[in-house]
């Protein structure tokens, strides 16, 4: 199994065996919740996203806008979690939308047809 390159988290030195990981920070905005993701969304970190989405989607009838501007990578596990969240949101009268995906993440979304279920915005709302 190939090892992934390791990078330190912002402002800290990474231990040699520490994976890059994912951070998710939620804050309210006029339309609902803004969820800011940073790092890599994959099998090792998908639980971080799942927990953040569960909290953001707790109230029915809300919009969760996921800022992907600092998301460096998204594998099929992360994509599946995003699509599952979109389904859960619709069942509660809510929506999940994405903003500012980097080209590598946008390409995954487009190739898989995920943009049909997840609206993608080039910028953040004011």
Protein backbone atom coordinates (compact mmCIF):
# COMPACT_ATOMS: atom_id res chain seq x y z
CA UNK A 1 0.00 0.00 0.00
CA UNK A 2 1.41 3.40 -1.00
CA UNK A 3 1.90 5.97 1.73
CA UNK A 4 0.31 9.35 1.36
CA UNK A 5 2.61 12.35 1.69
CA UNK A 6 2.24 14.04 5.04
CA UNK A 7 1.84 17.78 5.49
CA UNK A 8 1.63 19.75 8.71
CA UNK A 9 -1.63 21.38 9.69
CA UNK A 10 -1.64 25.15 9.49
CA UNK A 11 0.50 26.57 12.25
CA UNK A 12 1.69 23.21 13.56
CA UNK A 13 4.37 20.67 12.78
CA UNK A 14 3.06 17.28 11.75
CA UNK A 15 4.29 14.13 13.41
CA UNK A 16 5.79 11.71 10.85
CA UNK A 17 2.82 9.33 11.15
CA UNK A 18 0.05 11.95 11.26
CA UNK A 19 -2.27 11.98 8.20
CA UNK A 20 -3.37 15.25 6.60
CA UNK A 21 -7.01 14.83 7.65
CA UNK A 22 -9.98 17.15 7.43
CA UNK A 23 -11.32 20.00 9.47
CA UNK A 24 -14.92 21.21 9.38
CA UNK A 25 -16.05 24.46 10.95
CA UNK A 26 -19.73 25.47 11.00
CA UNK A 27 -21.06 28.97 11.41
CA UNK A 28 -24.47 30.52 10.81
CA UNK A 29 -25.15 32.68 7.77
CA UNK A 30 -28.33 34.32 6.51
CA UNK A 31 -29.47 31.24 4.55
CA UNK A 32 -28.65 28.59 7.15
CA UNK A 33 -25.25 27.11 7.99
CA UNK A 34 -21.91 27.66 6.29
CA UNK A 35 -19.69 24.60 6.69
CA UNK A 36 -16.04 25.31 5.87
CA UNK A 37 -13.97 22.24 4.95
CA UNK A 38 -10.18 22.15 4.80
CA UNK A 39 -7.83 19.26 4.06
CA UNK A 40 -8.58 15.93 2.44
CA UNK A 41 -11.96 14.22 2.43
CA UNK A 42 -11.44 10.48 2.22
CA UNK A 43 -12.10 7.22 4.04
CA UNK A 44 -9.93 8.30 6.98
CA UNK A 45 -11.71 11.63 7.48
CA UNK A 46 -15.28 11.14 6.27
CA UNK A 47 -16.56 10.80 9.85
CA UNK A 48 -15.57 14.43 10.49
CA UNK A 49 -17.80 15.53 7.63
CA UNK A 50 -20.64 13.22 8.69
CA UNK A 51 -20.67 14.62 12.22
CA UNK A 52 -20.57 18.22 10.98
CA UNK A 53 -23.40 17.59 8.52
CA UNK A 54 -25.54 15.88 11.16
CA UNK A 55 -25.28 18.98 13.32
CA UNK A 56 -25.90 21.38 10.45
CA UNK A 57 -28.94 19.44 9.23
CA UNK A 58 -30.49 19.00 12.69
CA UNK A 59 -33.11 21.69 12.06
CA UNK A 60 -35.46 21.01 9.14
CA UNK A 61 -35.89 23.56 6.37
CA UNK A 62 -32.32 24.86 6.32
CA UNK A 63 -29.61 25.32 3.72
CA UNK A 64 -26.13 23.97 4.39
CA UNK A 65 -23.58 25.62 2.16
CA UNK A 66 -20.29 23.72 2.14
CA UNK A 67 -17.29 25.90 1.36
CA UNK A 68 -14.85 23.64 -0.49
CA UNK A 69 -12.27 26.35 -1.18
CA UNK A 70 -9.71 24.68 1.09
CA UNK A 71 -10.67 21.09 0.26
CA UNK A 72 -7.61 19.65 -1.47
CA UNK A 73 -8.99 16.19 -2.27
CA UNK A 74 -12.25 14.22 -2.25
CA UNK A 75 -12.45 10.48 -2.88
CA UNK A 76 -15.50 8.31 -3.53
CA UNK A 77 -16.16 7.92 0.20
CA UNK A 78 -16.36 11.68 0.65
CA UNK A 79 -18.49 12.05 -2.46
CA UNK A 80 -20.86 9.39 -1.16
CA UNK A 81 -21.22 11.22 2.16
CA UNK A 82 -22.01 14.48 0.36
CA UNK A 83 -24.64 12.79 -1.81
CA UNK A 84 -26.17 10.97 1.16
CA UNK A 85 -26.36 14.28 3.02
CA UNK A 86 -28.18 15.83 0.05
CA UNK A 87 -30.77 13.04 0.22
CA UNK A 88 -31.17 13.37 3.99
CA UNK A 89 -31.55 17.12 3.61
CA UNK A 90 -34.27 16.82 0.96
CA UNK A 91 -36.19 14.43 3.20
CA UNK A 92 -36.24 17.16 5.86
CA UNK A 93 -37.08 20.00 3.49
CA UNK A 94 -33.47 21.25 3.55
CA UNK A 95 -30.71 21.60 0.96
CA UNK A 96 -26.98 20.94 0.75
CA UNK A 97 -25.01 23.07 -1.69
CA UNK A 98 -21.30 23.42 -2.46
CA UNK A 99 -19.22 26.55 -3.01
CA UNK A 100 -15.75 27.27 -4.39
CA UNK A 101 -14.55 23.73 -5.18
CA UNK A 102 -10.96 23.54 -6.35
CA UNK A 103 -10.50 22.19 -9.90
CA UNK A 104 -9.59 18.67 -8.71
CA UNK A 105 -12.75 18.45 -6.56
CA UNK A 106 -14.94 20.07 -9.23
CA UNK A 107 -13.69 17.50 -11.75
CA UNK A 108 -14.77 14.61 -9.49
CA UNK A 109 -18.20 16.21 -9.05
CA UNK A 110 -18.64 16.73 -12.78
CA UNK A 111 -17.34 13.31 -13.86
CA UNK A 112 -19.66 11.49 -11.47
CA UNK A 113 -22.72 13.61 -12.23
CA UNK A 114 -22.90 14.75 -8.60
CA UNK A 115 -23.59 18.30 -9.76
CA UNK A 116 -27.11 17.13 -10.61
CA UNK A 117 -27.79 16.51 -6.90
CA UNK A 118 -25.49 19.13 -5.37
CA UNK A 119 -25.71 22.68 -6.70
CA UNK A 120 -22.23 24.19 -7.06
CA UNK A 121 -21.50 27.92 -6.69
CA UNK A 122 -18.30 29.63 -7.81
CA UNK A 123 -18.28 31.95 -4.81
CA UNK A 124 -19.77 32.45 -1.37
CA UNK A 125 -22.98 34.45 -0.89
CA UNK A 126 -22.72 37.86 0.69
